[in-house]
Each structure stands twice: as structure tokens, then as C-alpha cells.
């Protein structure tokens, strides 16, 4: 990809009229109808992807010996109801936030916890939190994005906590936008970096981010990205926050004299493509692909 040409295309968007907004609204509706991912499926596939990556590089434990990548496609299968081995953890998880503790606040239909993914040609072993930590021993996994990835981070830690037990020493540290869980026993870190647009915005505070008018600096990825580049696994998501009205700033800073502002009334597919170009350009230049594995989570239709 020619970076110079990409930047010319991005800049021309600011000089264009707002007529593309109505056209992209229809595209947005079609996109919503066409998304097949579910938040549970997304998390399960994430676990599988990470497992496949690490199992392909490390010695395979006994519990995985019956899974052959040549004979079984883990991503071809279906959801089956399992009221014996599930759920993986209870709501007593110390990482569970109050607003996500559905049962505590009266939810009665709890059977959603008993569905598991079943590949057509093999059986998956039950998730083991300590085995997962062993696979990422000495490594750093970071979720980057909005509340969807925050949910995945929380669920991941609840899965691990239910396996670790109270005697295994851990720490949880918050540093600006990054919140990190660290297992001392395994020297493994699982972080959450709040960045709903992946680029700089006035919604970047991880606690106070509900603002009346959203302002995004489209080229401001370095502010956040410098906190990711030491990760061994990166899991990104960004979509829902782009569907609301916002002001887009093109310039070296929000207050720079050369800044060009443009108001967007709703979801613009073109704008979303631009930020994905900026994000992927940064990754291509700054991330060592031999060290770091990257995933991008598609939006869940139930999250829109």
C-alpha cells in the first residue's frame, strides 16, 4: 500500500460534501444485517485462535493430542447445549462489574451460559485457565478497544481466576488507559487498553467518556499505540462509537492552527475505512510480525 496515496485519499474526504452520509447509512444497515458474529462466538473464536497459535509453536500437552490441525477445522461446527460441564465460572468473580452481573440483578433465563462450541470432527477440551497461562508464560496479551473488548478482558480473567485459586499471587494495576492483570507465578500479563476509536479523541478517559459532542483526531494514533507495541498478542475492536455524530479533526493536534474540522452526522463507511487504514499502516511499520500476533474482533449484532 502506498502511504502517500492513502493520505491523499484521506485528505480529499475533508474537502468533499456531506452527501455521502445518507448513502453510507444504508450501507450501515446492510452491514448490521450481514454481521454473523455473536459476542459469545467472538470470544470463543478468540480463545481458539490463541490456542491454535501457541499450540503450533510449543509442545502439545496430552489433553490436546487428539486435535489434529490437518484433520479437524476448529472453526467448522455448531453450538450445543451442555448443562453438565458449563458454566465456566460464577458471578462471584472479583473482576465482574456490577452492571454485567445479570443474575445478581434478577435475570432468570440463565441457559445462555450452557452453550458451548462443538467442532464437527473433534472434541475441544474444557478451557483450563492455568494451561492458558502456561501457554502465555512470560508474554503480554492486550485487548484494545471499547466496552466490547472490556467484556472480553473481564470474561478472560474470570475464566483464569476460577482455575488459579486464591494462593497464586496476582496484581492488577491501572496506569492511565491501561489496566493490567499480572500473574506472578506465570509471569504473564493480560491488559485492557481503553481506546474506543483507536485514535485520539475526547472520549479517551476509561471512566468518564460519555461526552455530548465527540471529537476525533483522525491521525492521532501514536498517543495510544505507543502503549501497545511491547505486546505479544494484540486483540483490537472498534466500531460502535463510529455510528454517532462527531467532529473529525485533521491536523497535528486538536488546537493546531492547521487543523481542519468536519462534522459527521452519522455512520460513514468511508470514514471507518480511513481509520482502519491509519491503524493498519501503524501496525505494518511498528509491529514485529515475528513476535506479535494480532486479531481484530468484528462487532456483535447484539452490541449495535
Protein backbone atom coordinates (compact mmCIF):
# COMPACT_ATOMS: atom_id res chain seq x y z
CA UNK A 1 0.00 0.00 0.00
CA UNK A 2 1.29 3.43 -0.95
CA UNK A 3 1.09 5.59 2.15
CA UNK A 4 1.29 8.81 0.12
CA UNK A 5 -1.74 7.86 -1.95
CA UNK A 6 -3.66 6.78 1.13
CA UNK A 7 -3.06 10.12 2.81
CA UNK A 8 -4.19 11.99 -0.31
CA UNK A 9 -7.41 10.00 -0.30
CA UNK A 10 -7.95 10.72 3.40
CA UNK A 11 -7.39 14.44 2.95
CA UNK A 12 -9.78 14.63 0.00
CA UNK A 13 -12.55 13.37 2.27
CA UNK A 14 -12.41 16.63 4.22
CA UNK A 15 -12.93 18.65 1.04
CA UNK A 16 -15.91 16.58 -0.12
CA UNK A 17 -19.54 17.34 0.59
CA UNK A 18 -21.61 15.59 3.22
CA UNK A 19 -23.75 13.86 0.60
CA UNK A 20 -22.10 10.51 1.25
CA UNK A 21 -23.58 10.30 4.75
CA UNK A 22 -27.07 9.28 3.61
CA UNK A 23 -25.61 6.73 1.22
CA UNK A 24 -23.49 5.18 3.94
CA UNK A 25 -26.45 4.94 6.33
CA UNK A 26 -27.98 2.38 4.00
CA UNK A 27 -24.64 0.57 3.81
CA UNK A 28 -24.51 0.62 7.60
CA UNK A 29 -27.92 -1.04 7.87
CA UNK A 30 -26.86 -3.70 5.38
CA UNK A 31 -23.67 -4.24 7.34
CA UNK A 32 -25.65 -4.74 10.54
CA UNK A 33 -27.88 -7.32 8.87
CA UNK A 34 -24.90 -9.11 7.39
CA UNK A 35 -22.81 -9.49 10.55
CA UNK A 36 -22.94 -13.12 11.70
CA UNK A 37 -20.70 -12.86 14.74
CA UNK A 38 -22.07 -13.08 18.25
CA UNK A 39 -20.21 -11.80 21.30
CA UNK A 40 -20.02 -15.33 22.74
CA UNK A 41 -18.84 -16.69 19.41
CA UNK A 42 -16.28 -13.90 19.13
CA UNK A 43 -14.81 -14.74 22.50
CA UNK A 44 -14.76 -18.46 21.80
CA UNK A 45 -13.04 -17.95 18.48
CA UNK A 46 -10.52 -15.69 20.15
CA UNK A 47 -9.67 -18.43 22.64
CA UNK A 48 -9.39 -20.93 19.82
CA UNK A 49 -7.21 -18.66 17.71
CA UNK A 50 -4.82 -18.02 20.58
CA UNK A 51 -4.74 -21.72 21.41
CA UNK A 52 -4.05 -22.71 17.82
CA UNK A 53 -1.21 -20.20 17.58
CA UNK A 54 0.52 -21.28 20.75
CA UNK A 55 -0.09 -24.97 20.28
CA UNK A 56 1.51 -24.72 16.86
CA UNK A 57 4.68 -23.26 18.36
CA UNK A 58 5.02 -25.14 21.63
CA UNK A 59 4.97 -28.71 22.84
CA UNK A 60 1.41 -30.04 22.72
CA UNK A 61 0.05 -31.17 26.11
CA UNK A 62 -1.64 -34.55 26.46
CA UNK A 63 -5.16 -33.10 26.59
CA UNK A 64 -4.73 -31.72 23.08
CA UNK A 65 -3.20 -34.78 21.45
CA UNK A 66 -6.47 -35.82 19.81
CA UNK A 67 -6.81 -32.49 17.99
CA UNK A 68 -5.05 -32.53 14.65
CA UNK A 69 -4.97 -29.32 12.65
CA UNK A 70 -4.85 -31.41 9.47
CA UNK A 71 -7.96 -33.45 10.29
CA UNK A 72 -10.11 -31.02 12.27
CA UNK A 73 -11.14 -27.48 11.45
CA UNK A 74 -11.93 -25.90 14.83
CA UNK A 75 -13.99 -23.19 13.14
CA UNK A 76 -16.45 -25.58 11.46
CA UNK A 77 -19.06 -26.72 13.93
CA UNK A 78 -22.11 -25.63 15.87
CA UNK A 79 -23.40 -24.60 19.26
CA UNK A 80 -24.62 -27.43 21.53
CA UNK A 81 -26.42 -27.17 24.86
CA UNK A 82 -24.37 -28.51 27.78
CA UNK A 83 -25.93 -28.41 31.24
CA UNK A 84 -23.23 -30.58 32.84
CA UNK A 85 -19.79 -29.03 32.28
CA UNK A 86 -20.87 -25.37 31.95
CA UNK A 87 -20.81 -22.57 33.04
CA UNK A 88 -17.09 -21.92 33.39
CA UNK A 89 -17.36 -19.51 36.31
CA UNK A 90 -19.84 -17.97 38.71
CA UNK A 91 -20.71 -14.31 39.22
CA UNK A 92 -18.55 -14.26 42.35
CA UNK A 93 -15.63 -13.46 40.05
CA UNK A 94 -13.76 -10.49 41.54
CA UNK A 95 -13.38 -8.88 38.10
CA UNK A 96 -17.12 -8.88 37.38
CA UNK A 97 -18.52 -5.36 37.35
CA UNK A 98 -21.95 -4.79 38.87
CA UNK A 99 -23.60 -3.71 35.63
CA UNK A 100 -22.64 -7.02 34.00
CA UNK A 101 -23.76 -9.29 36.85
CA UNK A 102 -27.07 -10.20 35.19
CA UNK A 103 -28.10 -12.85 37.70
CA UNK A 104 -27.49 -10.55 40.66
CA UNK A 105 -29.93 -8.03 39.21
CA UNK A 106 -32.68 -10.54 38.54
CA UNK A 107 -32.08 -12.19 35.18
CA UNK A 108 -33.87 -15.54 35.19
CA UNK A 109 -33.08 -17.00 31.76
CA UNK A 110 -29.59 -18.29 32.55
CA UNK A 111 -29.46 -21.09 29.98
CA UNK A 112 -27.34 -18.87 27.73
CA UNK A 113 -24.42 -19.89 29.96
CA UNK A 114 -24.74 -23.54 28.93
CA UNK A 115 -23.98 -23.31 25.23
CA UNK A 116 -20.58 -24.46 24.02
CA UNK A 117 -18.88 -24.67 20.62
CA UNK A 118 -18.62 -28.18 19.17
CA UNK A 119 -16.40 -28.73 16.08
CA UNK A 120 -17.77 -31.26 13.60
CA UNK A 121 -14.75 -33.58 13.54
CA UNK A 122 -13.22 -33.44 17.02
CA UNK A 123 -13.84 -32.55 20.65
CA UNK A 124 -12.41 -29.49 22.32
CA UNK A 125 -11.01 -29.92 25.84
CA UNK A 126 -12.61 -27.79 28.52
CA UNK A 127 -10.88 -24.44 28.89
CA UNK A 128 -8.17 -24.57 31.55
CA UNK A 129 -7.04 -21.21 32.92
CA UNK A 130 -3.70 -22.43 34.26
CA UNK A 131 -2.92 -24.23 30.99
CA UNK A 132 -3.65 -20.99 29.15
CA UNK A 133 -1.34 -19.04 31.47
CA UNK A 134 1.36 -21.63 30.87
CA UNK A 135 0.99 -21.02 27.13
CA UNK A 136 1.48 -17.27 27.58
CA UNK A 137 4.16 -17.58 30.27
CA UNK A 138 6.50 -14.59 30.02
CA UNK A 139 4.19 -12.91 27.49
CA UNK A 140 1.77 -10.00 27.32
CA UNK A 141 -1.74 -10.12 25.85
CA UNK A 142 -3.53 -6.78 25.39
CA UNK A 143 -7.16 -6.08 24.46
CA UNK A 144 -7.52 -2.66 22.77
CA UNK A 145 -10.87 -1.02 22.13
CA UNK A 146 -14.19 -0.18 23.74
CA UNK A 147 -16.65 -1.91 26.10
CA UNK A 148 -16.86 -4.98 23.86
CA UNK A 149 -13.18 -5.76 24.47
CA UNK A 150 -13.58 -4.74 28.10
CA UNK A 151 -16.18 -7.51 28.36
CA UNK A 152 -13.79 -9.99 26.74
CA UNK A 153 -10.99 -8.96 29.12
CA UNK A 154 -13.30 -9.40 32.11
CA UNK A 155 -14.53 -12.78 30.90
CA UNK A 156 -10.96 -13.95 30.24
CA UNK A 157 -9.88 -13.02 33.77
CA UNK A 158 -12.92 -14.70 35.31
CA UNK A 159 -12.04 -17.87 33.41
CA UNK A 160 -8.48 -17.69 34.70
CA UNK A 161 -9.44 -16.78 38.28
CA UNK A 162 -11.69 -19.84 38.53
CA UNK A 163 -8.66 -22.03 37.70
CA UNK A 164 -5.89 -20.26 39.60
CA UNK A 165 -7.16 -20.45 43.13
CA UNK A 166 -6.57 -17.92 45.94
CA UNK A 167 -2.94 -18.86 46.68
CA UNK A 168 -1.48 -17.91 43.30
CA UNK A 169 -0.15 -14.33 43.60
CA UNK A 170 -1.52 -11.77 41.15
CA UNK A 171 -1.59 -8.00 40.76
CA UNK A 172 -3.96 -5.62 38.98
CA UNK A 173 -2.56 -2.20 38.07
CA UNK A 174 -4.22 0.77 36.39
CA UNK A 175 -1.98 3.22 34.52
CA UNK A 176 -3.94 5.86 32.61
CA UNK A 177 -5.83 3.97 29.86
CA UNK A 178 -4.20 0.60 30.60
CA UNK A 179 -5.47 -1.83 33.20
CA UNK A 180 -3.21 -4.87 33.60
CA UNK A 181 -3.62 -8.21 35.33
CA UNK A 182 -0.32 -9.94 36.07
CA UNK A 183 0.20 -13.50 37.25
CA UNK A 184 3.44 -13.56 39.23
CA UNK A 185 3.60 -17.35 39.16
CA UNK A 186 3.47 -17.46 35.34
CA UNK A 187 4.97 -14.03 34.63
CA UNK A 188 2.02 -13.47 32.27
CA UNK A 189 0.19 -10.18 31.71
CA UNK A 190 -3.31 -9.64 30.33
CA UNK A 191 -4.09 -5.98 29.73
CA UNK A 192 -7.03 -3.84 28.68
CA UNK A 193 -6.36 -0.55 26.91
CA UNK A 194 -9.37 1.76 26.59
CA UNK A 195 -9.39 3.39 23.15
CA UNK A 196 -12.86 3.29 21.56
CA UNK A 197 -11.72 4.92 18.29
CA UNK A 198 -8.12 3.57 18.34
CA UNK A 199 -7.08 7.16 17.51
CA UNK A 200 -7.04 10.21 19.80
CA UNK A 201 -10.43 11.56 20.91
CA UNK A 202 -12.14 13.40 23.74
CA UNK A 203 -13.63 10.04 24.82
CA UNK A 204 -10.32 8.51 25.85
CA UNK A 205 -10.87 8.62 29.61
CA UNK A 206 -11.53 4.99 30.62
CA UNK A 207 -14.05 6.09 33.27
CA UNK A 208 -15.52 9.41 32.07
CA UNK A 209 -16.04 9.07 28.33
CA UNK A 210 -19.70 9.89 27.78
CA UNK A 211 -19.47 13.34 26.23
CA UNK A 212 -22.12 15.37 24.42
CA UNK A 213 -20.03 16.10 21.33
CA UNK A 214 -17.41 13.60 20.24
CA UNK A 215 -14.21 14.97 18.71
CA UNK A 216 -11.74 12.63 17.00
CA UNK A 217 -8.27 13.44 15.66
CA UNK A 218 -8.05 11.03 12.80
CA UNK A 219 -4.24 10.92 12.53
CA UNK A 220 -3.72 10.77 16.30
CA UNK A 221 -2.91 7.09 16.68
CA UNK A 222 0.56 7.47 18.24
CA UNK A 223 -0.86 8.72 21.55
CA UNK A 224 -2.36 5.28 22.16
CA UNK A 225 -0.32 2.94 20.00
CA UNK A 226 2.96 3.54 21.84
CA UNK A 227 1.40 1.64 24.76
CA UNK A 228 0.75 -1.46 22.65
CA UNK A 229 4.00 -2.13 20.84
CA UNK A 230 5.52 -4.35 23.54
CA UNK A 231 2.62 -6.83 23.44
CA UNK A 232 2.99 -10.41 22.20
CA UNK A 233 -0.73 -10.71 21.35
CA UNK A 234 -2.99 -7.80 20.39
CA UNK A 235 -6.78 -8.05 20.15
CA UNK A 236 -8.49 -4.97 18.67
CA UNK A 237 -12.06 -3.85 18.28
CA UNK A 238 -13.62 -0.54 17.21
CA UNK A 239 -16.95 0.07 15.55
CA UNK A 240 -19.97 1.12 17.64
CA UNK A 241 -18.56 4.50 18.65
CA UNK A 242 -18.23 5.47 14.98
CA UNK A 243 -22.00 5.28 14.45
CA UNK A 244 -22.87 8.51 16.32
CA UNK A 245 -22.43 12.16 15.24
CA UNK A 246 -18.91 13.53 15.74
CA UNK A 247 -16.41 16.16 14.70
CA UNK A 248 -13.37 14.92 12.81
CA UNK A 249 -10.11 16.88 13.16
CA UNK A 250 -7.34 16.62 10.59
CA UNK A 251 -4.14 18.15 11.97
CA UNK A 252 -1.18 17.72 14.29
CA UNK A 253 -3.32 18.43 17.37
CA UNK A 254 -6.84 19.46 18.31
CA UNK A 255 -5.80 23.10 18.73
CA UNK A 256 -3.22 23.41 15.95
CA UNK A 257 -3.56 26.32 13.51
CA UNK A 258 -3.50 23.92 10.56
CA UNK A 259 -6.37 21.79 11.87
CA UNK A 260 -9.30 21.15 9.54
CA UNK A 261 -12.61 20.18 11.14
CA UNK A 262 -15.54 18.34 9.61
CA UNK A 263 -18.82 17.38 11.26
CA UNK A 264 -20.26 13.94 10.55
CA UNK A 265 -23.94 13.35 11.32
CA UNK A 266 -23.83 9.58 11.48
CA UNK A 267 -22.01 6.44 10.46
CA UNK A 268 -19.70 6.92 7.47
CA UNK A 269 -18.31 3.72 5.99
CA UNK A 270 -15.70 5.81 4.21
CA UNK A 271 -14.51 7.35 7.47
CA UNK A 272 -14.34 3.95 9.16
CA UNK A 273 -12.26 2.60 6.28
CA UNK A 274 -9.89 5.56 6.67
CA UNK A 275 -9.22 4.90 10.35
CA UNK A 276 -8.63 1.22 9.62
CA UNK A 277 -6.07 2.28 7.00
CA UNK A 278 -4.34 4.52 9.56
CA UNK A 279 -4.37 1.73 12.14
CA UNK A 280 -3.05 -0.92 9.73
CA UNK A 281 -0.33 1.45 8.44
CA UNK A 282 0.89 1.97 12.01
CA UNK A 283 0.94 -1.77 12.68
CA UNK A 284 2.80 -2.50 9.47
CA UNK A 285 5.54 -0.01 10.33
CA UNK A 286 5.83 -0.50 14.09
CA UNK A 287 4.89 -4.09 14.96
CA UNK A 288 7.28 -7.02 14.61
CA UNK A 289 5.15 -9.71 12.98
CA UNK A 290 7.55 -12.48 14.02
CA UNK A 291 6.96 -11.57 17.68
CA UNK A 292 3.41 -10.25 17.85
CA UNK A 293 0.17 -11.90 16.76
CA UNK A 294 -2.81 -9.63 16.03
CA UNK A 295 -6.57 -10.16 15.90
CA UNK A 296 -9.41 -7.79 15.01
CA UNK A 297 -12.80 -8.59 16.52
CA UNK A 298 -15.83 -7.88 14.36
CA UNK A 299 -18.83 -6.23 16.05
CA UNK A 300 -21.60 -8.31 17.56
CA UNK A 301 -25.09 -7.58 16.17
CA UNK A 302 -26.38 -7.61 19.75
CA UNK A 303 -23.89 -4.86 20.63
CA UNK A 304 -25.19 -2.41 18.00
